[in-house]
């Protein structure tokens, strides 16, 4: 977590920009691990933000939380970050693998005590793909993944001005999969201009 104060970003107002980045566990079979990682990240953001809000009560606090969340828009991590809470039994796709271990656990980002409320909005377009590893195996079967796993989340006072779109899927397919000539990673970068209100 990086925190920048108003001396370098905000000319007229006392403001704080809290930036956080993560890379959650990749394996779709262990969704509960990703849920717990996202929960810990979000709660740490709340803790840092609460500390700054208490020390600077007149400052406007802006939050950006970005990274490779390894979760699709219909996944549990996305639901946790977009709503602030999750029920493992109803929201975790892999719940049937471990009902006896976990039972129905509810997680919430917002502990009951802080003065800072973390309400995040996805600042990008989750209909785009950010990961393309789809390819044909030697036996002709399709393998790999295609979808959105990366997000930029922002607090309500962070607004998107412009989004640089990801390359068309045809370009990713042209070189079989990512990484390739168009991207040194299997994930495409998310780039947007934002305005802090």
C-alpha atoms as a PDB file:
ATOM      1  CA  UNK A   1       0.000   0.000   0.000  1.00  0.00           C
ATOM      2  CA  UNK A   2       1.332   3.418  -1.009  1.00  0.00           C
ATOM      3  CA  UNK A   3      -0.108   6.642   0.375  1.00  0.00           C
ATOM      4  CA  UNK A   4       0.497  10.015  -1.292  1.00  0.00           C
ATOM      5  CA  UNK A   5      -0.470  13.276   0.362  1.00  0.00           C
ATOM      6  CA  UNK A   6      -1.770  16.517  -1.086  1.00  0.00           C
ATOM      7  CA  UNK A   7       1.595  18.222  -1.428  1.00  0.00           C
ATOM      8  CA  UNK A   8       2.291  16.529  -4.741  1.00  0.00           C
ATOM      9  CA  UNK A   9      -1.159  15.811  -6.201  1.00  0.00           C
ATOM     10  CA  UNK A  10      -3.814  18.190  -4.981  1.00  0.00           C
ATOM     11  CA  UNK A  11      -3.307  21.898  -5.566  1.00  0.00           C
ATOM     12  CA  UNK A  12      -6.400  23.268  -3.832  1.00  0.00           C
ATOM     13  CA  UNK A  13      -7.532  20.577  -1.445  1.00  0.00           C
ATOM     14  CA  UNK A  14      -6.103  18.512   1.332  1.00  0.00           C
ATOM     15  CA  UNK A  15      -6.250  15.050  -0.218  1.00  0.00           C
ATOM     16  CA  UNK A  16      -4.768  11.610   0.201  1.00  0.00           C
ATOM     17  CA  UNK A  17      -4.410   8.968  -2.511  1.00  0.00           C
ATOM     18  CA  UNK A  18      -4.080   5.413  -1.239  1.00  0.00           C
ATOM     19  CA  UNK A  19      -2.758   3.002  -3.887  1.00  0.00           C
ATOM     20  CA  UNK A  20      -2.771  -0.763  -3.401  1.00  0.00           C
ATOM     21  CA  UNK A  21      -1.743  -3.579  -5.721  1.00  0.00           C
ATOM     22  CA  UNK A  22      -2.035  -7.351  -5.472  1.00  0.00           C
ATOM     23  CA  UNK A  23      -1.550 -10.619  -7.318  1.00  0.00           C
ATOM     24  CA  UNK A  24      -3.849 -13.316  -5.939  1.00  0.00           C
ATOM     25  CA  UNK A  25      -3.292 -17.064  -6.145  1.00  0.00           C
ATOM     26  CA  UNK A  26      -3.893 -18.453  -9.633  1.00  0.00           C
ATOM     27  CA  UNK A  27      -5.417 -21.919  -9.228  1.00  0.00           C
ATOM     28  CA  UNK A  28      -9.216 -21.948  -9.796  1.00  0.00           C
ATOM     29  CA  UNK A  29      -9.520 -25.084  -7.641  1.00  0.00           C
ATOM     30  CA  UNK A  30      -8.626 -23.051  -4.548  1.00  0.00           C
ATOM     31  CA  UNK A  31     -11.081 -20.188  -4.732  1.00  0.00           C
ATOM     32  CA  UNK A  32     -11.254 -19.987  -0.951  1.00  0.00           C
ATOM     33  CA  UNK A  33      -7.553 -19.012  -0.882  1.00  0.00           C
ATOM     34  CA  UNK A  34      -8.230 -16.132  -3.274  1.00  0.00           C
ATOM     35  CA  UNK A  35     -11.243 -15.033  -1.206  1.00  0.00           C
ATOM     36  CA  UNK A  36      -9.127 -14.932   1.943  1.00  0.00           C
ATOM     37  CA  UNK A  37      -6.285 -13.104   0.172  1.00  0.00           C
ATOM     38  CA  UNK A  38      -8.686 -10.486  -1.230  1.00  0.00           C
ATOM     39  CA  UNK A  39     -10.339 -10.118   2.170  1.00  0.00           C
ATOM     40  CA  UNK A  40      -6.983  -9.550   3.871  1.00  0.00           C
ATOM     41  CA  UNK A  41      -5.957  -7.001   1.229  1.00  0.00           C
ATOM     42  CA  UNK A  42      -9.238  -5.103   1.518  1.00  0.00           C
ATOM     43  CA  UNK A  43      -9.145  -5.111   5.310  1.00  0.00           C
ATOM     44  CA  UNK A  44      -5.561  -3.826   5.249  1.00  0.00           C
ATOM     45  CA  UNK A  45      -6.674  -1.010   2.938  1.00  0.00           C
ATOM     46  CA  UNK A  46      -9.487  -0.205   5.390  1.00  0.00           C
ATOM     47  CA  UNK A  47      -7.013  -0.231   8.273  1.00  0.00           C
ATOM     48  CA  UNK A  48      -4.551   2.120   6.543  1.00  0.00           C
ATOM     49  CA  UNK A  49      -7.366   4.369   5.280  1.00  0.00           C
ATOM     50  CA  UNK A  50      -8.950   4.531   8.733  1.00  0.00           C
ATOM     51  CA  UNK A  51      -5.612   5.498  10.244  1.00  0.00           C
ATOM     52  CA  UNK A  52      -5.149   8.308   7.717  1.00  0.00           C
ATOM     53  CA  UNK A  53      -8.756   9.458   8.040  1.00  0.00           C
ATOM     54  CA  UNK A  54      -8.387   9.670  11.823  1.00  0.00           C
ATOM     55  CA  UNK A  55      -5.110  11.597  11.579  1.00  0.00           C
ATOM     56  CA  UNK A  56      -6.373  13.879   8.793  1.00  0.00           C
ATOM     57  CA  UNK A  57     -10.141  14.293   9.350  1.00  0.00           C
ATOM     58  CA  UNK A  58     -10.473  17.120   6.799  1.00  0.00           C
ATOM     59  CA  UNK A  59      -8.584  15.333   4.029  1.00  0.00           C
ATOM     60  CA  UNK A  60     -10.348  13.719   1.084  1.00  0.00           C
ATOM     61  CA  UNK A  61      -9.281  10.102   0.867  1.00  0.00           C
ATOM     62  CA  UNK A  62      -9.146   8.431  -2.567  1.00  0.00           C
ATOM     63  CA  UNK A  63      -8.504   4.695  -2.967  1.00  0.00           C
ATOM     64  CA  UNK A  64      -7.203   2.755  -5.976  1.00  0.00           C
ATOM     65  CA  UNK A  65      -6.816  -1.023  -5.673  1.00  0.00           C
ATOM     66  CA  UNK A  66      -5.497  -2.796  -8.762  1.00  0.00           C
ATOM     67  CA  UNK A  67      -3.976  -6.086  -9.752  1.00  0.00           C
ATOM     68  CA  UNK A  68      -4.302  -9.608 -11.014  1.00  0.00           C
ATOM     69  CA  UNK A  69      -7.183 -10.939  -8.944  1.00  0.00           C
ATOM     70  CA  UNK A  70      -7.358 -14.249 -10.840  1.00  0.00           C
ATOM     71  CA  UNK A  71     -11.140 -14.070 -10.615  1.00  0.00           C
ATOM     72  CA  UNK A  72     -13.683 -13.626 -13.392  1.00  0.00           C
ATOM     73  CA  UNK A  73     -16.529 -11.084 -13.091  1.00  0.00           C
ATOM     74  CA  UNK A  74     -18.862 -13.887 -11.957  1.00  0.00           C
ATOM     75  CA  UNK A  75     -16.350 -15.118  -9.366  1.00  0.00           C
ATOM     76  CA  UNK A  76     -16.371 -14.864  -5.604  1.00  0.00           C
ATOM     77  CA  UNK A  77     -13.459 -12.407  -5.314  1.00  0.00           C
ATOM     78  CA  UNK A  78     -15.161  -9.983  -7.700  1.00  0.00           C
ATOM     79  CA  UNK A  79     -18.393 -10.306  -5.709  1.00  0.00           C
ATOM     80  CA  UNK A  80     -16.572  -9.719  -2.425  1.00  0.00           C
ATOM     81  CA  UNK A  81     -14.871  -6.551  -3.678  1.00  0.00           C
ATOM     82  CA  UNK A  82     -17.937  -5.167  -5.459  1.00  0.00           C
ATOM     83  CA  UNK A  83     -20.432  -5.794  -2.629  1.00  0.00           C
ATOM     84  CA  UNK A  84     -18.233  -5.815   0.472  1.00  0.00           C
ATOM     85  CA  UNK A  85     -19.351  -9.237   1.676  1.00  0.00           C
ATOM     86  CA  UNK A  86     -19.686 -12.824   0.578  1.00  0.00           C
ATOM     87  CA  UNK A  87     -21.222 -16.107   1.684  1.00  0.00           C
ATOM     88  CA  UNK A  88     -18.857 -18.978   0.992  1.00  0.00           C
ATOM     89  CA  UNK A  89     -21.740 -21.434   0.588  1.00  0.00           C
ATOM     90  CA  UNK A  90     -23.718 -19.427  -1.957  1.00  0.00           C
ATOM     91  CA  UNK A  91     -20.959 -17.419  -3.676  1.00  0.00           C
ATOM     92  CA  UNK A  92     -17.997 -19.770  -3.871  1.00  0.00           C
ATOM     93  CA  UNK A  93     -18.147 -21.863  -7.044  1.00  0.00           C
ATOM     94  CA  UNK A  94     -15.940 -24.578  -5.556  1.00  0.00           C
ATOM     95  CA  UNK A  95     -17.932 -24.800  -2.301  1.00  0.00           C
ATOM     96  CA  UNK A  96     -19.010 -28.379  -3.007  1.00  0.00           C
ATOM     97  CA  UNK A  97     -15.367 -29.436  -2.625  1.00  0.00           C
ATOM     98  CA  UNK A  98     -15.202 -28.479   1.044  1.00  0.00           C
ATOM     99  CA  UNK A  99     -18.591 -28.078   2.765  1.00  0.00           C
ATOM    100  CA  UNK A 100     -17.647 -30.269   5.738  1.00  0.00           C
ATOM    101  CA  UNK A 101     -14.524 -28.245   6.419  1.00  0.00           C
ATOM    102  CA  UNK A 102     -15.942 -24.741   6.178  1.00  0.00           C
ATOM    103  CA  UNK A 103     -19.705 -24.847   6.592  1.00  0.00           C
ATOM    104  CA  UNK A 104     -21.364 -21.600   5.528  1.00  0.00           C
ATOM    105  CA  UNK A 105     -18.991 -18.782   6.412  1.00  0.00           C
ATOM    106  CA  UNK A 106     -19.814 -15.157   5.713  1.00  0.00           C
ATOM    107  CA  UNK A 107     -16.978 -12.724   5.142  1.00  0.00           C
ATOM    108  CA  UNK A 108     -17.272  -8.961   5.227  1.00  0.00           C
ATOM    109  CA  UNK A 109     -14.641  -6.417   4.289  1.00  0.00           C
ATOM    110  CA  UNK A 110     -15.943  -3.808   6.674  1.00  0.00           C
ATOM    111  CA  UNK A 111     -15.123  -4.478  10.312  1.00  0.00           C
ATOM    112  CA  UNK A 112     -17.608  -2.838  12.653  1.00  0.00           C
ATOM    113  CA  UNK A 113     -15.253  -0.228  14.119  1.00  0.00           C
ATOM    114  CA  UNK A 114     -13.556   1.878  11.399  1.00  0.00           C
ATOM    115  CA  UNK A 115     -14.484   5.413  10.482  1.00  0.00           C
ATOM    116  CA  UNK A 116     -13.574   4.742   6.843  1.00  0.00           C
ATOM    117  CA  UNK A 117     -16.050   2.868   4.642  1.00  0.00           C
ATOM    118  CA  UNK A 118     -14.519   1.011   1.688  1.00  0.00           C
ATOM    119  CA  UNK A 119     -16.989   1.008  -1.213  1.00  0.00           C
ATOM    120  CA  UNK A 120     -15.177  -0.054  -4.371  1.00  0.00           C
ATOM    121  CA  UNK A 121     -16.257   0.209  -7.996  1.00  0.00           C
ATOM    122  CA  UNK A 122     -14.575  -1.508 -10.918  1.00  0.00           C
ATOM    123  CA  UNK A 123     -13.110   1.296 -13.044  1.00  0.00           C
ATOM    124  CA  UNK A 124     -12.557  -0.836 -16.143  1.00  0.00           C
ATOM    125  CA  UNK A 125     -14.604  -2.894 -18.550  1.00  0.00           C
ATOM    126  CA  UNK A 126     -14.894  -6.427 -17.235  1.00  0.00           C
ATOM    127  CA  UNK A 127     -16.373  -7.605 -20.544  1.00  0.00           C
ATOM    128  CA  UNK A 128     -12.905  -7.356 -22.088  1.00  0.00           C
ATOM    129  CA  UNK A 129     -10.357 -10.117 -21.826  1.00  0.00           C
ATOM    130  CA  UNK A 130      -7.188  -9.372 -19.895  1.00  0.00           C
ATOM    131  CA  UNK A 131      -5.786 -12.895 -20.104  1.00  0.00           C
ATOM    132  CA  UNK A 132      -5.579 -15.025 -23.231  1.00  0.00           C
ATOM    133  CA  UNK A 133      -3.758 -18.341 -23.038  1.00  0.00           C
ATOM    134  CA  UNK A 134      -6.184 -20.321 -25.183  1.00  0.00           C
ATOM    135  CA  UNK A 135      -4.405 -22.648 -27.608  1.00  0.00           C
ATOM    136  CA  UNK A 136      -4.675 -26.034 -29.287  1.00  0.00           C
ATOM    137  CA  UNK A 137      -2.835 -28.972 -27.801  1.00  0.00           C
ATOM    138  CA  UNK A 138      -1.011 -31.469 -29.995  1.00  0.00           C
ATOM    139  CA  UNK A 139      -4.099 -33.729 -29.902  1.00  0.00           C
ATOM    140  CA  UNK A 140      -6.393 -30.957 -31.173  1.00  0.00           C
ATOM    141  CA  UNK A 141      -8.053 -30.193 -27.832  1.00  0.00           C
ATOM    142  CA  UNK A 142      -8.457 -26.580 -26.785  1.00  0.00           C
ATOM    143  CA  UNK A 143      -6.575 -25.660 -23.620  1.00  0.00           C
ATOM    144  CA  UNK A 144      -5.871 -22.482 -21.695  1.00  0.00           C
ATOM    145  CA  UNK A 145      -8.072 -19.618 -20.583  1.00  0.00           C
ATOM    146  CA  UNK A 146      -9.690 -16.523 -22.032  1.00  0.00           C
ATOM    147  CA  UNK A 147     -11.328 -13.894 -19.846  1.00  0.00           C
ATOM    148  CA  UNK A 148     -11.029 -10.958 -17.501  1.00  0.00           C
ATOM    149  CA  UNK A 149      -8.909 -11.511 -14.376  1.00  0.00           C
ATOM    150  CA  UNK A 150      -7.422  -8.057 -13.808  1.00  0.00           C
ATOM    151  CA  UNK A 151      -9.169  -5.009 -12.404  1.00  0.00           C
ATOM    152  CA  UNK A 152      -8.690  -1.470 -11.198  1.00  0.00           C
ATOM    153  CA  UNK A 153     -11.013  -0.753  -8.281  1.00  0.00           C
ATOM    154  CA  UNK A 154     -11.659   2.765  -7.042  1.00  0.00           C
ATOM    155  CA  UNK A 155     -13.493   4.508  -4.247  1.00  0.00           C
ATOM    156  CA  UNK A 156     -16.641   6.490  -5.087  1.00  0.00           C
ATOM    157  CA  UNK A 157     -14.681   9.732  -5.438  1.00  0.00           C
ATOM    158  CA  UNK A 158     -12.465   8.315  -8.214  1.00  0.00           C
ATOM    159  CA  UNK A 159     -13.973   8.661 -11.702  1.00  0.00           C
ATOM    160  CA  UNK A 160     -12.730   7.288 -15.019  1.00  0.00           C
ATOM    161  CA  UNK A 161     -12.120   9.846 -17.757  1.00  0.00           C
ATOM    162  CA  UNK A 162     -10.711   7.591 -20.494  1.00  0.00           C
ATOM    163  CA  UNK A 163      -9.879   3.921 -20.896  1.00  0.00           C
ATOM    164  CA  UNK A 164      -7.281   2.622 -23.323  1.00  0.00           C
ATOM    165  CA  UNK A 165      -8.882  -0.518 -24.757  1.00  0.00           C
ATOM    166  CA  UNK A 166      -7.069  -3.826 -24.813  1.00  0.00           C
ATOM    167  CA  UNK A 167      -6.014  -5.086 -28.256  1.00  0.00           C
ATOM    168  CA  UNK A 168      -8.661  -6.966 -30.229  1.00  0.00           C
ATOM    169  CA  UNK A 169      -8.863 -10.688 -29.552  1.00  0.00           C
ATOM    170  CA  UNK A 170      -7.914 -11.383 -33.161  1.00  0.00           C
ATOM    171  CA  UNK A 171      -4.460  -9.933 -32.517  1.00  0.00           C
ATOM    172  CA  UNK A 172      -3.972 -12.157 -29.461  1.00  0.00           C
ATOM    173  CA  UNK A 173      -5.109 -15.176 -31.508  1.00  0.00           C
ATOM    174  CA  UNK A 174      -2.766 -14.270 -34.358  1.00  0.00           C
ATOM    175  CA  UNK A 175       0.207 -15.249 -32.211  1.00  0.00           C
ATOM    176  CA  UNK A 176      -1.573 -18.282 -30.694  1.00  0.00           C
ATOM    177  CA  UNK A 177      -1.735 -17.003 -27.085  1.00  0.00           C
ATOM    178  CA  UNK A 178      -0.177 -14.561 -24.645  1.00  0.00           C
ATOM    179  CA  UNK A 179       2.659 -13.877 -23.961  1.00  0.00           C
ATOM    180  CA  UNK A 180       3.605 -13.068 -27.539  1.00  0.00           C
ATOM    181  CA  UNK A 181       4.905 -10.248 -29.728  1.00  0.00           C
ATOM    182  CA  UNK A 182       2.082  -7.989 -28.552  1.00  0.00           C
ATOM    183  CA  UNK A 183       2.487  -8.592 -24.815  1.00  0.00           C
ATOM    184  CA  UNK A 184       5.413  -9.808 -22.695  1.00  0.00           C
ATOM    185  CA  UNK A 185       2.923 -11.247 -20.193  1.00  0.00           C
ATOM    186  CA  UNK A 186      -0.085 -13.551 -20.332  1.00  0.00           C
ATOM    187  CA  UNK A 187      -2.036 -10.580 -18.908  1.00  0.00           C
ATOM    188  CA  UNK A 188      -2.767  -7.357 -20.745  1.00  0.00           C
ATOM    189  CA  UNK A 189      -2.219  -4.050 -18.972  1.00  0.00           C
ATOM    190  CA  UNK A 190      -5.195  -1.983 -17.852  1.00  0.00           C
ATOM    191  CA  UNK A 191      -4.702   1.719 -18.518  1.00  0.00           C
ATOM    192  CA  UNK A 192      -7.099   4.545 -17.740  1.00  0.00           C
ATOM    193  CA  UNK A 193      -7.125   8.249 -16.970  1.00  0.00           C
ATOM    194  CA  UNK A 194      -8.892   9.055 -13.740  1.00  0.00           C
ATOM    195  CA  UNK A 195     -10.153  12.153 -11.987  1.00  0.00           C
ATOM    196  CA  UNK A 196     -10.063  12.472  -8.225  1.00  0.00           C
ATOM    197  CA  UNK A 197     -13.121  14.266  -6.819  1.00  0.00           C
END
